[in-house]
Amino acid sequence: MFNVYIIFSESFDRFYVGMSSNVKNRLKEHNSKSVKSTKAFVPWKLIHIEKFETRIEARKREKYLKTAAGRKWRKINLGM
């Protein structure tokens, strides 16, 4: 099982979209500053998860959520 997740940093009003098979562990990595792209914006909180059977499906959804259309989807469906 693969998960696409969206985390949010309230302190910096920033979002991050990622993919992981263990979201709980991955969120700990983000908050422990061990992820280069997110360490400057700690703390992060999990705001959305989608589950997929295959890595290919998850990667396709992750890529979509990182586009302008995906940001629009997030604004409409998550209110952010």
PDB file of N, CA and C in Angstrom:
ATOM      1  N   MET A   1       0.851  -1.188   0.000  1.00  0.00           N
ATOM      2  CA  MET A   1       0.000   0.000   0.000  1.00  0.00           C
ATOM      3  C   MET A   1       0.892   1.246   0.000  1.00  0.00           C
ATOM      4  N   PHE A   2       0.571   2.168  -0.873  1.00  0.00           N
ATOM      5  CA  PHE A   2       1.309   3.429  -0.964  1.00  0.00           C
ATOM      6  C   PHE A   2       0.359   4.584  -0.674  1.00  0.00           C
ATOM      7  N   ASN A   3       0.884   5.605  -0.029  1.00  0.00           N
ATOM      8  CA  ASN A   3       0.082   6.751   0.368  1.00  0.00           C
ATOM      9  C   ASN A   3       0.651   8.028  -0.217  1.00  0.00           C
ATOM     10  N   VAL A   4      -0.247   8.888  -0.671  1.00  0.00           N
ATOM     11  CA  VAL A   4       0.128  10.245  -1.049  1.00  0.00           C
ATOM     12  C   VAL A   4      -0.389  11.119   0.089  1.00  0.00           C
ATOM     13  N   TYR A   5       0.451  12.004   0.567  1.00  0.00           N
ATOM     14  CA  TYR A   5       0.069  12.812   1.714  1.00  0.00           C
ATOM     15  C   TYR A   5       0.351  14.285   1.452  1.00  0.00           C
ATOM     16  N   ILE A   6      -0.389  15.116   2.157  1.00  0.00           N
ATOM     17  CA  ILE A   6      -0.162  16.561   2.120  1.00  0.00           C
ATOM     18  C   ILE A   6       0.065  16.997   3.556  1.00  0.00           C
ATOM     19  N   ILE A   7       1.175  17.701   3.774  1.00  0.00           N
ATOM     20  CA  ILE A   7       1.452  18.263   5.091  1.00  0.00           C
ATOM     21  C   ILE A   7       1.477  19.785   4.972  1.00  0.00           C
ATOM     22  N   PHE A   8       1.244  20.428   6.095  1.00  0.00           N
ATOM     23  CA  PHE A   8       1.129  21.882   6.112  1.00  0.00           C
ATOM     24  C   PHE A   8       1.934  22.451   7.270  1.00  0.00           C
ATOM     25  N   SER A   9       2.656  23.536   6.989  1.00  0.00           N
ATOM     26  CA  SER A   9       3.384  24.257   8.028  1.00  0.00           C
ATOM     27  C   SER A   9       2.626  25.554   8.306  1.00  0.00           C
ATOM     28  N   GLU A  10       1.955  25.610   9.444  1.00  0.00           N
ATOM     29  CA  GLU A  10       1.200  26.808   9.801  1.00  0.00           C
ATOM     30  C   GLU A  10       2.122  28.009  10.001  1.00  0.00           C
ATOM     31  N   SER A  11       3.289  27.767  10.560  1.00  0.00           N
ATOM     32  CA  SER A  11       4.235  28.846  10.833  1.00  0.00           C
ATOM     33  C   SER A  11       4.667  29.584   9.570  1.00  0.00           C
ATOM     34  N   PHE A  12       4.737  28.862   8.459  1.00  0.00           N
ATOM     35  CA  PHE A  12       5.216  29.447   7.216  1.00  0.00           C
ATOM     36  C   PHE A  12       4.176  29.433   6.100  1.00  0.00           C
ATOM     37  N   ASP A  13       2.959  28.955   6.393  1.00  0.00           N
ATOM     38  CA  ASP A  13       1.865  28.888   5.418  1.00  0.00           C
ATOM     39  C   ASP A  13       2.315  28.175   4.139  1.00  0.00           C
ATOM     40  N   ARG A  14       2.924  26.982   4.321  1.00  0.00           N
ATOM     41  CA  ARG A  14       3.449  26.213   3.189  1.00  0.00           C
ATOM     42  C   ARG A  14       2.907  24.791   3.209  1.00  0.00           C
ATOM     43  N   PHE A  15       2.750  24.231   2.004  1.00  0.00           N
ATOM     44  CA  PHE A  15       2.310  22.861   1.834  1.00  0.00           C
ATOM     45  C   PHE A  15       3.438  22.031   1.253  1.00  0.00           C
ATOM     46  N   TYR A  16       3.375  20.727   1.496  1.00  0.00           N
ATOM     47  CA  TYR A  16       4.300  19.789   0.882  1.00  0.00           C
ATOM     48  C   TYR A  16       3.508  18.543   0.527  1.00  0.00           C
ATOM     49  N   VAL A  17       3.679  18.068  -0.697  1.00  0.00           N
ATOM     50  CA  VAL A  17       3.021  16.853  -1.159  1.00  0.00           C
ATOM     51  C   VAL A  17       4.085  15.776  -1.302  1.00  0.00           C
ATOM     52  N   GLY A  18       3.823  14.606  -0.748  1.00  0.00           N
ATOM     53  CA  GLY A  18       4.787  13.520  -0.830  1.00  0.00           C
ATOM     54  C   GLY A  18       4.116  12.170  -0.921  1.00  0.00           C
ATOM     55  N   MET A  19       4.939  11.133  -1.043  1.00  0.00           N
ATOM     56  CA  MET A  19       4.451   9.771  -1.163  1.00  0.00           C
ATOM     57  C   MET A  19       5.277   8.886  -0.251  1.00  0.00           C
ATOM     58  N   SER A  20       4.620   7.961   0.446  1.00  0.00           N
ATOM     59  CA  SER A  20       5.327   7.066   1.355  1.00  0.00           C
ATOM     60  C   SER A  20       4.459   5.855   1.657  1.00  0.00           C
ATOM     61  N   SER A  21       5.096   4.757   2.005  1.00  0.00           N
ATOM     62  CA  SER A  21       4.334   3.587   2.446  1.00  0.00           C
ATOM     63  C   SER A  21       4.087   3.649   3.956  1.00  0.00           C
ATOM     64  N   ASN A  22       4.796   4.531   4.652  1.00  0.00           N
ATOM     65  CA  ASN A  22       4.625   4.710   6.093  1.00  0.00           C
ATOM     66  C   ASN A  22       4.573   6.211   6.395  1.00  0.00           C
ATOM     67  N   VAL A  23       3.398   6.770   6.339  1.00  0.00           N
ATOM     68  CA  VAL A  23       3.234   8.218   6.485  1.00  0.00           C
ATOM     69  C   VAL A  23       3.597   8.690   7.891  1.00  0.00           C
ATOM     70  N   LYS A  24       3.260   7.919   8.891  1.00  0.00           N
ATOM     71  CA  LYS A  24       3.565   8.318  10.272  1.00  0.00           C
ATOM     72  C   LYS A  24       5.072   8.502  10.452  1.00  0.00           C
ATOM     73  N   ASN A  25       5.856   7.549   9.972  1.00  0.00           N
ATOM     74  CA  ASN A  25       7.316   7.634  10.061  1.00  0.00           C
ATOM     75  C   ASN A  25       7.855   8.791   9.212  1.00  0.00           C
ATOM     76  N   ARG A  26       7.265   8.965   8.037  1.00  0.00           N
ATOM     77  CA  ARG A  26       7.723  10.026   7.140  1.00  0.00           C
ATOM     78  C   ARG A  26       7.469  11.405   7.762  1.00  0.00           C
ATOM     79  N   LEU A  27       6.333  11.588   8.419  1.00  0.00           N
ATOM     80  CA  LEU A  27       6.040  12.853   9.083  1.00  0.00           C
ATOM     81  C   LEU A  27       7.062  13.123  10.190  1.00  0.00           C
ATOM     82  N   LYS A  28       7.456  12.088  10.919  1.00  0.00           N
ATOM     83  CA  LYS A  28       8.498  12.245  11.944  1.00  0.00           C
ATOM     84  C   LYS A  28       9.803  12.718  11.309  1.00  0.00           C
ATOM     85  N   GLU A  29      10.136  12.165  10.129  1.00  0.00           N
ATOM     86  CA  GLU A  29      11.350  12.584   9.427  1.00  0.00           C
ATOM     87  C   GLU A  29      11.273  14.061   9.034  1.00  0.00           C
ATOM     88  N   HIS A  30      10.123  14.484   8.524  1.00  0.00           N
ATOM     89  CA  HIS A  30       9.946  15.890   8.157  1.00  0.00           C
ATOM     90  C   HIS A  30      10.129  16.791   9.381  1.00  0.00           C
ATOM     91  N   ASN A  31       9.534  16.420  10.496  1.00  0.00           N
ATOM     92  CA  ASN A  31       9.589  17.256  11.699  1.00  0.00           C
ATOM     93  C   ASN A  31      10.919  17.174  12.441  1.00  0.00           C
ATOM     94  N   SER A  32      11.735  16.184  12.140  1.00  0.00           N
ATOM     95  CA  SER A  32      13.049  16.090  12.783  1.00  0.00           C
ATOM     96  C   SER A  32      14.133  16.766  11.941  1.00  0.00           C
ATOM     97  N   LYS A  33      13.712  17.455  10.906  1.00  0.00           N
ATOM     98  CA  LYS A  33      14.599  18.218  10.019  1.00  0.00           C
ATOM     99  C   LYS A  33      15.582  17.346   9.244  1.00  0.00           C
ATOM    100  N   SER A  34      15.216  16.088   8.994  1.00  0.00           N
ATOM    101  CA  SER A  34      16.101  15.213   8.231  1.00  0.00           C
ATOM    102  C   SER A  34      15.764  15.182   6.736  1.00  0.00           C
ATOM    103  N   VAL A  35      14.752  15.968   6.330  1.00  0.00           N
ATOM    104  CA  VAL A  35      14.388  16.078   4.915  1.00  0.00           C
ATOM    105  C   VAL A  35      14.792  17.470   4.446  1.00  0.00           C
ATOM    106  N   LYS A  36      15.730  17.521   3.518  1.00  0.00           N
ATOM    107  CA  LYS A  36      16.322  18.788   3.097  1.00  0.00           C
ATOM    108  C   LYS A  36      15.280  19.810   2.628  1.00  0.00           C
ATOM    109  N   SER A  37      14.303  19.358   1.848  1.00  0.00           N
ATOM    110  CA  SER A  37      13.350  20.304   1.273  1.00  0.00           C
ATOM    111  C   SER A  37      12.326  20.853   2.265  1.00  0.00           C
ATOM    112  N   THR A  38      12.198  20.240   3.434  1.00  0.00           N
ATOM    113  CA  THR A  38      11.192  20.703   4.393  1.00  0.00           C
ATOM    114  C   THR A  38      11.757  21.159   5.738  1.00  0.00           C
ATOM    115  N   LYS A  39      13.051  20.980   5.960  1.00  0.00           N
ATOM    116  CA  LYS A  39      13.603  21.243   7.299  1.00  0.00           C
ATOM    117  C   LYS A  39      13.503  22.702   7.742  1.00  0.00           C
ATOM    118  N   ALA A  40      13.442  23.633   6.818  1.00  0.00           N
ATOM    119  CA  ALA A  40      13.373  25.052   7.180  1.00  0.00           C
ATOM    120  C   ALA A  40      11.978  25.487   7.620  1.00  0.00           C
ATOM    121  N   PHE A  41      10.990  24.615   7.444  1.00  0.00           N
ATOM    122  CA  PHE A  41       9.603  25.017   7.683  1.00  0.00           C
ATOM    123  C   PHE A  41       8.914  24.211   8.786  1.00  0.00           C
ATOM    124  N   VAL A  42       9.680  23.606   9.656  1.00  0.00           N
ATOM    125  CA  VAL A  42       9.152  22.826  10.779  1.00  0.00           C
ATOM    126  C   VAL A  42       8.390  23.743  11.717  1.00  0.00           C
ATOM    127  N   PRO A  43       7.299  23.360  12.330  1.00  0.00           N
ATOM    128  CA  PRO A  43       6.695  22.030  12.363  1.00  0.00           C
ATOM    129  C   PRO A  43       5.674  21.823  11.242  1.00  0.00           C
ATOM    130  N   TRP A  44       5.481  20.548  10.898  1.00  0.00           N
ATOM    131  CA  TRP A  44       4.521  20.145   9.874  1.00  0.00           C
ATOM    132  C   TRP A  44       3.388  19.364  10.528  1.00  0.00           C
ATOM    133  N   LYS A  45       2.185  19.498   9.962  1.00  0.00           N
ATOM    134  CA  LYS A  45       1.078  18.652  10.420  1.00  0.00           C
ATOM    135  C   LYS A  45       0.436  18.011   9.201  1.00  0.00           C
ATOM    136  N   LEU A  46      -0.009  16.796   9.380  1.00  0.00           N
ATOM    137  CA  LEU A  46      -0.639  16.026   8.314  1.00  0.00           C
ATOM    138  C   LEU A  46      -2.058  16.530   8.107  1.00  0.00           C
ATOM    139  N   ILE A  47      -2.413  16.862   6.856  1.00  0.00           N
ATOM    140  CA  ILE A  47      -3.769  17.352   6.605  1.00  0.00           C
ATOM    141  C   ILE A  47      -4.567  16.485   5.636  1.00  0.00           C
ATOM    142  N   HIS A  48      -3.879  15.592   4.894  1.00  0.00           N
ATOM    143  CA  HIS A  48      -4.607  14.772   3.915  1.00  0.00           C
ATOM    144  C   HIS A  48      -3.792  13.541   3.539  1.00  0.00           C
ATOM    145  N   ILE A  49      -4.478  12.381   3.403  1.00  0.00           N
ATOM    146  CA  ILE A  49      -3.847  11.140   2.949  1.00  0.00           C
ATOM    147  C   ILE A  49      -4.767  10.469   1.934  1.00  0.00           C
ATOM    148  N   GLU A  50      -4.178   9.936   0.871  1.00  0.00           N
ATOM    149  CA  GLU A  50      -4.892   9.104  -0.097  1.00  0.00           C
ATOM    150  C   GLU A  50      -4.114   7.807  -0.237  1.00  0.00           C
ATOM    151  N   LYS A  51      -4.825   6.667  -0.261  1.00  0.00           N
ATOM    152  CA  LYS A  51      -4.186   5.352  -0.333  1.00  0.00           C
ATOM    153  C   LYS A  51      -4.315   4.770  -1.740  1.00  0.00           C
ATOM    154  N   PHE A  52      -3.243   4.099  -2.188  1.00  0.00           N
ATOM    155  CA  PHE A  52      -3.206   3.489  -3.517  1.00  0.00           C
ATOM    156  C   PHE A  52      -2.602   2.098  -3.427  1.00  0.00           C
ATOM    157  N   GLU A  53      -3.045   1.220  -4.306  1.00  0.00           N
ATOM    158  CA  GLU A  53      -2.546  -0.152  -4.337  1.00  0.00           C
ATOM    159  C   GLU A  53      -1.131  -0.237  -4.898  1.00  0.00           C
ATOM    160  N   THR A  54      -0.827   0.587  -5.901  1.00  0.00           N
ATOM    161  CA  THR A  54       0.483   0.492  -6.534  1.00  0.00           C
ATOM    162  C   THR A  54       1.257   1.803  -6.412  1.00  0.00           C
ATOM    163  N   ARG A  55       2.572   1.675  -6.503  1.00  0.00           N
ATOM    164  CA  ARG A  55       3.459   2.834  -6.461  1.00  0.00           C
ATOM    165  C   ARG A  55       3.215   3.734  -7.675  1.00  0.00           C
ATOM    166  N   ILE A  56       2.920   3.144  -8.806  1.00  0.00           N
ATOM    167  CA  ILE A  56       2.683   3.907 -10.033  1.00  0.00           C
ATOM    168  C   ILE A  56       1.459   4.808  -9.892  1.00  0.00           C
ATOM    169  N   GLU A  57       0.365   4.260  -9.335  1.00  0.00           N
ATOM    170  CA  GLU A  57      -0.847   5.065  -9.112  1.00  0.00           C
ATOM    171  C   GLU A  57      -0.566   6.213  -8.145  1.00  0.00           C
ATOM    172  N   ALA A  58       0.156   5.917  -7.075  1.00  0.00           N
ATOM    173  CA  ALA A  58       0.470   6.930  -6.065  1.00  0.00           C
ATOM    174  C   ALA A  58       1.342   8.027  -6.668  1.00  0.00           C
ATOM    175  N   ARG A  59       2.334   7.644  -7.440  1.00  0.00           N
ATOM    176  CA  ARG A  59       3.234   8.630  -8.045  1.00  0.00           C
ATOM    177  C   ARG A  59       2.481   9.531  -9.015  1.00  0.00           C
ATOM    178  N   LYS A  60       1.550   8.950  -9.762  1.00  0.00           N
ATOM    179  CA  LYS A  60       0.749   9.742 -10.703  1.00  0.00           C
ATOM    180  C   LYS A  60      -0.079  10.795  -9.947  1.00  0.00           C
ATOM    181  N   ARG A  61      -0.677  10.394  -8.852  1.00  0.00           N
ATOM    182  CA  ARG A  61      -1.484  11.326  -8.051  1.00  0.00           C
ATOM    183  C   ARG A  61      -0.605  12.393  -7.381  1.00  0.00           C
ATOM    184  N   GLU A  62       0.570  11.987  -6.889  1.00  0.00           N
ATOM    185  CA  GLU A  62       1.490  12.939  -6.276  1.00  0.00           C
ATOM    186  C   GLU A  62       1.902  14.004  -7.296  1.00  0.00           C
ATOM    187  N   LYS A  63       2.246  13.574  -8.494  1.00  0.00           N
ATOM    188  CA  LYS A  63       2.646  14.520  -9.538  1.00  0.00           C
ATOM    189  C   LYS A  63       1.508  15.482  -9.863  1.00  0.00           C
ATOM    190  N   TYR A  64       0.263  14.955  -9.923  1.00  0.00           N
ATOM    191  CA  TYR A  64      -0.894  15.813 -10.199  1.00  0.00           C
ATOM    192  C   TYR A  64      -1.052  16.867  -9.109  1.00  0.00           C
ATOM    193  N   LEU A  65      -0.957  16.455  -7.854  1.00  0.00           N
ATOM    194  CA  LEU A  65      -1.173  17.389  -6.746  1.00  0.00           C
ATOM    195  C   LEU A  65      -0.107  18.486  -6.681  1.00  0.00           C
ATOM    196  N   LYS A  66       1.024  18.269  -7.352  1.00  0.00           N
ATOM    197  CA  LYS A  66       2.086  19.266  -7.385  1.00  0.00           C
ATOM    198  C   LYS A  66       1.934  20.251  -8.540  1.00  0.00           C
ATOM    199  N   THR A  67       0.922  20.064  -9.390  1.00  0.00           N
ATOM    200  CA  THR A  67       0.682  20.971 -10.512  1.00  0.00           C
ATOM    201  C   THR A  67      -0.255  22.095 -10.080  1.00  0.00           C
ATOM    202  N   ALA A  68      -0.441  23.063 -10.966  1.00  0.00           N
ATOM    203  CA  ALA A  68      -1.384  24.160 -10.697  1.00  0.00           C
ATOM    204  C   ALA A  68      -2.798  23.610 -10.526  1.00  0.00           C
ATOM    205  N   ALA A  69      -3.172  22.631 -11.341  1.00  0.00           N
ATOM    206  CA  ALA A  69      -4.500  22.028 -11.222  1.00  0.00           C
ATOM    207  C   ALA A  69      -4.658  21.320  -9.877  1.00  0.00           C
ATOM    208  N   GLY A  70      -3.589  20.684  -9.410  1.00  0.00           N
ATOM    209  CA  GLY A  70      -3.618  20.022  -8.111  1.00  0.00           C
ATOM    210  C   GLY A  70      -3.741  21.002  -6.960  1.00  0.00           C
ATOM    211  N   ARG A  71      -3.079  22.123  -7.080  1.00  0.00           N
ATOM    212  CA  ARG A  71      -3.207  23.168  -6.048  1.00  0.00           C
ATOM    213  C   ARG A  71      -4.636  23.712  -6.021  1.00  0.00           C
ATOM    214  N   LYS A  72      -5.238  23.834  -7.202  1.00  0.00           N
ATOM    215  CA  LYS A  72      -6.632  24.287  -7.282  1.00  0.00           C
ATOM    216  C   LYS A  72      -7.548  23.250  -6.643  1.00  0.00           C
ATOM    217  N   TRP A  73      -7.307  21.949  -6.901  1.00  0.00           N
ATOM    218  CA  TRP A  73      -8.091  20.876  -6.303  1.00  0.00           C
ATOM    219  C   TRP A  73      -7.993  20.957  -4.782  1.00  0.00           C
ATOM    220  N   ARG A  74      -6.763  21.174  -4.290  1.00  0.00           N
ATOM    221  CA  ARG A  74      -6.549  21.265  -2.841  1.00  0.00           C
ATOM    222  C   ARG A  74      -7.338  22.422  -2.248  1.00  0.00           C
ATOM    223  N   LYS A  75      -7.334  23.547  -2.926  1.00  0.00           N
ATOM    224  CA  LYS A  75      -8.047  24.725  -2.423  1.00  0.00           C
ATOM    225  C   LYS A  75      -9.555  24.460  -2.368  1.00  0.00           C
ATOM    226  N   ILE A  76     -10.092  23.827  -3.403  1.00  0.00           N
ATOM    227  CA  ILE A  76     -11.534  23.550  -3.459  1.00  0.00           C
ATOM    228  C   ILE A  76     -11.930  22.462  -2.457  1.00  0.00           C
ATOM    229  N   ASN A  77     -11.186  21.366  -2.414  1.00  0.00           N
ATOM    230  CA  ASN A  77     -11.584  20.209  -1.624  1.00  0.00           C
ATOM    231  C   ASN A  77     -11.092  20.189  -0.184  1.00  0.00           C
ATOM    232  N   LEU A  78      -9.996  20.859   0.075  1.00  0.00           N
ATOM    233  CA  LEU A  78      -9.472  20.886   1.445  1.00  0.00           C
ATOM    234  C   LEU A  78      -9.628  22.246   2.098  1.00  0.00           C
ATOM    235  N   GLY A  79     -10.082  23.225   1.332  1.00  0.00           N
ATOM    236  CA  GLY A  79     -10.274  24.564   1.879  1.00  0.00           C
ATOM    237  C   GLY A  79      -8.972  25.266   2.202  1.00  0.00           C
ATOM    238  N   MET A  80      -7.903  24.867   1.506  1.00  0.00           N
ATOM    239  CA  MET A  80      -6.591  25.466   1.796  1.00  0.00           C
ATOM    240  C   MET A  80      -5.898  25.847   0.528  1.00  0.00           C
TER     241      MET A  80
END
